[in-house]
């Protein structure tokens, strides 16, 4: 198992995000276009990849949200590798990196149609907050925050 810090120009990150987007298109249905516009990866500078036997199996990213806060984005684990703690490890690496960059908080948005993600974030200490920004009044969205 290996972990790599990179940015969104990394082909392995782009490879995993393709699968993430396919999964979200199915889960989100008609709402996918709305969410997709906020998940472009062309300028993500802080991305994490997890490898198993040199194969990219999990990813995540963060971007600056406010002066002291990052937004966690693009979390994904290939289906055949789920249940092995990869998502928590990616999340922990993102949090360490963000904290080392001087950020104090992490926020994120996920969907009610992603119960695995909700469980992951709760398990890792994220607390439900009112929906922020573009997610205000979006019924399928739930937002979380954690002190890093």
C-alpha atoms as a PDB file:
ATOM      1  CA  UNK A   1       0.000   0.000   0.000  1.00  0.00           C
ATOM      2  CA  UNK A   2       1.358   3.424  -0.951  1.00  0.00           C
ATOM      3  CA  UNK A   3       0.035   6.959  -0.736  1.00  0.00           C
ATOM      4  CA  UNK A   4       0.868   9.840  -3.047  1.00  0.00           C
ATOM      5  CA  UNK A   5       0.228  13.557  -2.846  1.00  0.00           C
ATOM      6  CA  UNK A   6      -0.313  15.115  -6.242  1.00  0.00           C
ATOM      7  CA  UNK A   7      -2.611  17.458  -8.160  1.00  0.00           C
ATOM      8  CA  UNK A   8      -5.508  16.945 -10.539  1.00  0.00           C
ATOM      9  CA  UNK A   9      -3.263  16.715 -13.606  1.00  0.00           C
ATOM     10  CA  UNK A  10      -2.193  13.259 -12.411  1.00  0.00           C
ATOM     11  CA  UNK A  11      -3.517  10.576 -14.823  1.00  0.00           C
ATOM     12  CA  UNK A  12      -4.223   8.142 -11.970  1.00  0.00           C
ATOM     13  CA  UNK A  13      -6.360  10.748 -10.207  1.00  0.00           C
ATOM     14  CA  UNK A  14      -8.225  11.443 -13.455  1.00  0.00           C
ATOM     15  CA  UNK A  15      -8.707   7.691 -13.962  1.00  0.00           C
ATOM     16  CA  UNK A  16     -10.395   7.264 -10.570  1.00  0.00           C
ATOM     17  CA  UNK A  17     -12.502  10.406 -10.961  1.00  0.00           C
ATOM     18  CA  UNK A  18     -13.991   8.936 -14.161  1.00  0.00           C
ATOM     19  CA  UNK A  19     -15.399   6.066 -12.096  1.00  0.00           C
ATOM     20  CA  UNK A  20     -16.560   8.460  -9.393  1.00  0.00           C
ATOM     21  CA  UNK A  21     -18.452  10.546 -11.933  1.00  0.00           C
ATOM     22  CA  UNK A  22     -20.071   7.439 -13.437  1.00  0.00           C
ATOM     23  CA  UNK A  23     -21.201   6.303  -9.994  1.00  0.00           C
ATOM     24  CA  UNK A  24     -22.566   9.743  -9.103  1.00  0.00           C
ATOM     25  CA  UNK A  25     -24.426  10.025 -12.409  1.00  0.00           C
ATOM     26  CA  UNK A  26     -26.370   6.882 -11.488  1.00  0.00           C
ATOM     27  CA  UNK A  27     -26.951   7.900  -7.856  1.00  0.00           C
ATOM     28  CA  UNK A  28     -27.865  11.513  -8.576  1.00  0.00           C
ATOM     29  CA  UNK A  29     -29.984  10.870 -11.663  1.00  0.00           C
ATOM     30  CA  UNK A  30     -31.542  14.084 -12.936  1.00  0.00           C
ATOM     31  CA  UNK A  31     -29.635  16.148 -10.359  1.00  0.00           C
ATOM     32  CA  UNK A  32     -26.218  15.057 -11.663  1.00  0.00           C
ATOM     33  CA  UNK A  33     -25.686  18.063 -13.942  1.00  0.00           C
ATOM     34  CA  UNK A  34     -26.253  20.441 -11.024  1.00  0.00           C
ATOM     35  CA  UNK A  35     -23.657  18.706  -8.842  1.00  0.00           C
ATOM     36  CA  UNK A  36     -21.177  18.060 -11.637  1.00  0.00           C
ATOM     37  CA  UNK A  37     -20.600  21.769 -12.256  1.00  0.00           C
ATOM     38  CA  UNK A  38     -19.099  22.059  -8.753  1.00  0.00           C
ATOM     39  CA  UNK A  39     -16.841  19.016  -9.110  1.00  0.00           C
ATOM     40  CA  UNK A  40     -14.548  19.953 -11.969  1.00  0.00           C
ATOM     41  CA  UNK A  41     -10.991  18.870 -11.311  1.00  0.00           C
ATOM     42  CA  UNK A  42      -9.016  21.119 -13.645  1.00  0.00           C
ATOM     43  CA  UNK A  43      -7.496  23.205 -10.836  1.00  0.00           C
ATOM     44  CA  UNK A  44      -7.252  20.982  -7.776  1.00  0.00           C
ATOM     45  CA  UNK A  45      -3.781  21.428  -6.284  1.00  0.00           C
ATOM     46  CA  UNK A  46      -4.153  19.052  -3.340  1.00  0.00           C
ATOM     47  CA  UNK A  47      -5.039  15.498  -4.351  1.00  0.00           C
ATOM     48  CA  UNK A  48      -4.252  12.214  -2.645  1.00  0.00           C
ATOM     49  CA  UNK A  49      -3.995   8.783  -4.253  1.00  0.00           C
ATOM     50  CA  UNK A  50      -3.818   5.392  -2.568  1.00  0.00           C
ATOM     51  CA  UNK A  51      -2.197   2.499  -4.415  1.00  0.00           C
ATOM     52  CA  UNK A  52      -2.439  -1.225  -3.872  1.00  0.00           C
ATOM     53  CA  UNK A  53       0.228  -3.175  -5.786  1.00  0.00           C
ATOM     54  CA  UNK A  54       0.894  -0.070  -7.893  1.00  0.00           C
ATOM     55  CA  UNK A  55      -2.788   0.176  -8.895  1.00  0.00           C
ATOM     56  CA  UNK A  56      -4.624   3.396  -7.985  1.00  0.00           C
ATOM     57  CA  UNK A  57      -7.573   2.335  -5.812  1.00  0.00           C
ATOM     58  CA  UNK A  58      -8.660   5.426  -3.864  1.00  0.00           C
ATOM     59  CA  UNK A  59      -8.521   9.193  -4.129  1.00  0.00           C
ATOM     60  CA  UNK A  60      -9.595  12.450  -2.577  1.00  0.00           C
ATOM     61  CA  UNK A  61      -8.786  16.138  -2.747  1.00  0.00           C
ATOM     62  CA  UNK A  62      -9.244  19.429  -0.989  1.00  0.00           C
ATOM     63  CA  UNK A  63      -9.424  23.038  -2.043  1.00  0.00           C
ATOM     64  CA  UNK A  64      -9.432  26.289  -0.125  1.00  0.00           C
ATOM     65  CA  UNK A  65     -12.940  27.196   0.993  1.00  0.00           C
ATOM     66  CA  UNK A  66     -12.257  30.083   3.375  1.00  0.00           C
ATOM     67  CA  UNK A  67      -9.064  31.483   4.900  1.00  0.00           C
ATOM     68  CA  UNK A  68      -9.053  28.839   7.650  1.00  0.00           C
ATOM     69  CA  UNK A  69     -11.134  26.125   5.945  1.00  0.00           C
ATOM     70  CA  UNK A  70     -10.736  23.589   3.164  1.00  0.00           C
ATOM     71  CA  UNK A  71     -13.463  21.758   1.292  1.00  0.00           C
ATOM     72  CA  UNK A  72     -12.983  18.017   0.898  1.00  0.00           C
ATOM     73  CA  UNK A  73     -13.732  16.914  -2.670  1.00  0.00           C
ATOM     74  CA  UNK A  74     -13.634  13.930  -5.028  1.00  0.00           C
ATOM     75  CA  UNK A  75     -13.476  11.117  -2.473  1.00  0.00           C
ATOM     76  CA  UNK A  76     -13.672   7.702  -4.143  1.00  0.00           C
ATOM     77  CA  UNK A  77     -12.636   4.081  -3.647  1.00  0.00           C
ATOM     78  CA  UNK A  78     -12.935   1.478  -6.388  1.00  0.00           C
ATOM     79  CA  UNK A  79     -15.860  -0.827  -5.484  1.00  0.00           C
ATOM     80  CA  UNK A  80     -13.750  -3.958  -5.187  1.00  0.00           C
ATOM     81  CA  UNK A  81     -11.510  -2.242  -2.584  1.00  0.00           C
ATOM     82  CA  UNK A  82     -14.261  -0.823  -0.376  1.00  0.00           C
ATOM     83  CA  UNK A  83     -14.566  -1.919   3.219  1.00  0.00           C
ATOM     84  CA  UNK A  84     -10.809  -1.983   3.794  1.00  0.00           C
ATOM     85  CA  UNK A  85     -10.341   1.468   5.329  1.00  0.00           C
ATOM     86  CA  UNK A  86      -8.960   3.199   2.253  1.00  0.00           C
ATOM     87  CA  UNK A  87     -11.440   6.092   2.384  1.00  0.00           C
ATOM     88  CA  UNK A  88     -10.575   6.850   6.015  1.00  0.00           C
ATOM     89  CA  UNK A  89      -6.873   6.752   5.175  1.00  0.00           C
ATOM     90  CA  UNK A  90      -7.322   9.118   2.220  1.00  0.00           C
ATOM     91  CA  UNK A  91      -9.400  11.450   4.375  1.00  0.00           C
ATOM     92  CA  UNK A  92      -6.811  11.394   7.167  1.00  0.00           C
ATOM     93  CA  UNK A  93      -4.013  12.212   4.708  1.00  0.00           C
ATOM     94  CA  UNK A  94      -6.030  15.128   3.301  1.00  0.00           C
ATOM     95  CA  UNK A  95      -6.663  16.434   6.810  1.00  0.00           C
ATOM     96  CA  UNK A  96      -2.972  16.212   7.759  1.00  0.00           C
ATOM     97  CA  UNK A  97      -1.958  17.979   4.560  1.00  0.00           C
ATOM     98  CA  UNK A  98      -4.547  20.741   5.050  1.00  0.00           C
ATOM     99  CA  UNK A  99      -3.525  21.235   8.672  1.00  0.00           C
ATOM    100  CA  UNK A 100       0.135  21.428   7.634  1.00  0.00           C
ATOM    101  CA  UNK A 101      -0.883  24.129   5.138  1.00  0.00           C
ATOM    102  CA  UNK A 102      -2.342  26.170   8.021  1.00  0.00           C
ATOM    103  CA  UNK A 103      -6.040  25.326   7.720  1.00  0.00           C
ATOM    104  CA  UNK A 104      -8.117  24.706  10.862  1.00  0.00           C
ATOM    105  CA  UNK A 105     -11.343  23.213   9.509  1.00  0.00           C
ATOM    106  CA  UNK A 106     -12.613  20.889   6.821  1.00  0.00           C
ATOM    107  CA  UNK A 107     -16.080  21.103   5.292  1.00  0.00           C
ATOM    108  CA  UNK A 108     -17.736  18.924   2.714  1.00  0.00           C
ATOM    109  CA  UNK A 109     -20.977  18.167   0.939  1.00  0.00           C
ATOM    110  CA  UNK A 110     -22.322  14.751   0.133  1.00  0.00           C
ATOM    111  CA  UNK A 111     -25.654  13.381  -0.960  1.00  0.00           C
ATOM    112  CA  UNK A 112     -28.377  11.523   0.881  1.00  0.00           C
ATOM    113  CA  UNK A 113     -28.077   8.903  -1.881  1.00  0.00           C
ATOM    114  CA  UNK A 114     -24.523   8.185  -0.675  1.00  0.00           C
ATOM    115  CA  UNK A 115     -25.067   6.534   2.717  1.00  0.00           C
ATOM    116  CA  UNK A 116     -21.564   5.040   2.688  1.00  0.00           C
ATOM    117  CA  UNK A 117     -20.076   8.537   2.454  1.00  0.00           C
ATOM    118  CA  UNK A 118     -22.285   9.836   5.252  1.00  0.00           C
ATOM    119  CA  UNK A 119     -21.185   6.940   7.471  1.00  0.00           C
ATOM    120  CA  UNK A 120     -17.518   7.583   6.598  1.00  0.00           C
ATOM    121  CA  UNK A 121     -17.654  11.244   7.518  1.00  0.00           C
ATOM    122  CA  UNK A 122     -19.558  10.650  10.766  1.00  0.00           C
ATOM    123  CA  UNK A 123     -17.106   7.887  11.732  1.00  0.00           C
ATOM    124  CA  UNK A 124     -14.219  10.288  11.131  1.00  0.00           C
ATOM    125  CA  UNK A 125     -15.565  13.081  13.326  1.00  0.00           C
ATOM    126  CA  UNK A 126     -17.448  15.283  10.879  1.00  0.00           C
ATOM    127  CA  UNK A 127     -20.537  16.990  12.279  1.00  0.00           C
ATOM    128  CA  UNK A 128     -23.658  17.929  10.370  1.00  0.00           C
ATOM    129  CA  UNK A 129     -23.925  21.659   9.604  1.00  0.00           C
ATOM    130  CA  UNK A 130     -26.448  23.735   7.661  1.00  0.00           C
ATOM    131  CA  UNK A 131     -25.961  23.421   3.923  1.00  0.00           C
ATOM    132  CA  UNK A 132     -23.585  26.063   2.603  1.00  0.00           C
ATOM    133  CA  UNK A 133     -23.125  27.967  -0.643  1.00  0.00           C
ATOM    134  CA  UNK A 134     -24.651  26.376  -3.703  1.00  0.00           C
ATOM    135  CA  UNK A 135     -26.081  23.532  -1.570  1.00  0.00           C
ATOM    136  CA  UNK A 136     -28.472  25.726   0.434  1.00  0.00           C
ATOM    137  CA  UNK A 137     -32.038  24.498  -0.135  1.00  0.00           C
ATOM    138  CA  UNK A 138     -30.844  21.396  -2.052  1.00  0.00           C
ATOM    139  CA  UNK A 139     -32.814  18.548  -0.482  1.00  0.00           C
ATOM    140  CA  UNK A 140     -30.415  15.770  -1.478  1.00  0.00           C
ATOM    141  CA  UNK A 141     -27.349  17.539  -0.039  1.00  0.00           C
ATOM    142  CA  UNK A 142     -25.964  17.259   3.467  1.00  0.00           C
ATOM    143  CA  UNK A 143     -22.949  19.218   4.684  1.00  0.00           C
ATOM    144  CA  UNK A 144     -20.421  18.448   7.395  1.00  0.00           C
ATOM    145  CA  UNK A 145     -17.583  20.194   9.221  1.00  0.00           C
ATOM    146  CA  UNK A 146     -14.655  19.106  11.370  1.00  0.00           C
ATOM    147  CA  UNK A 147     -11.889  20.831  13.267  1.00  0.00           C
ATOM    148  CA  UNK A 148      -8.610  19.529  11.879  1.00  0.00           C
END
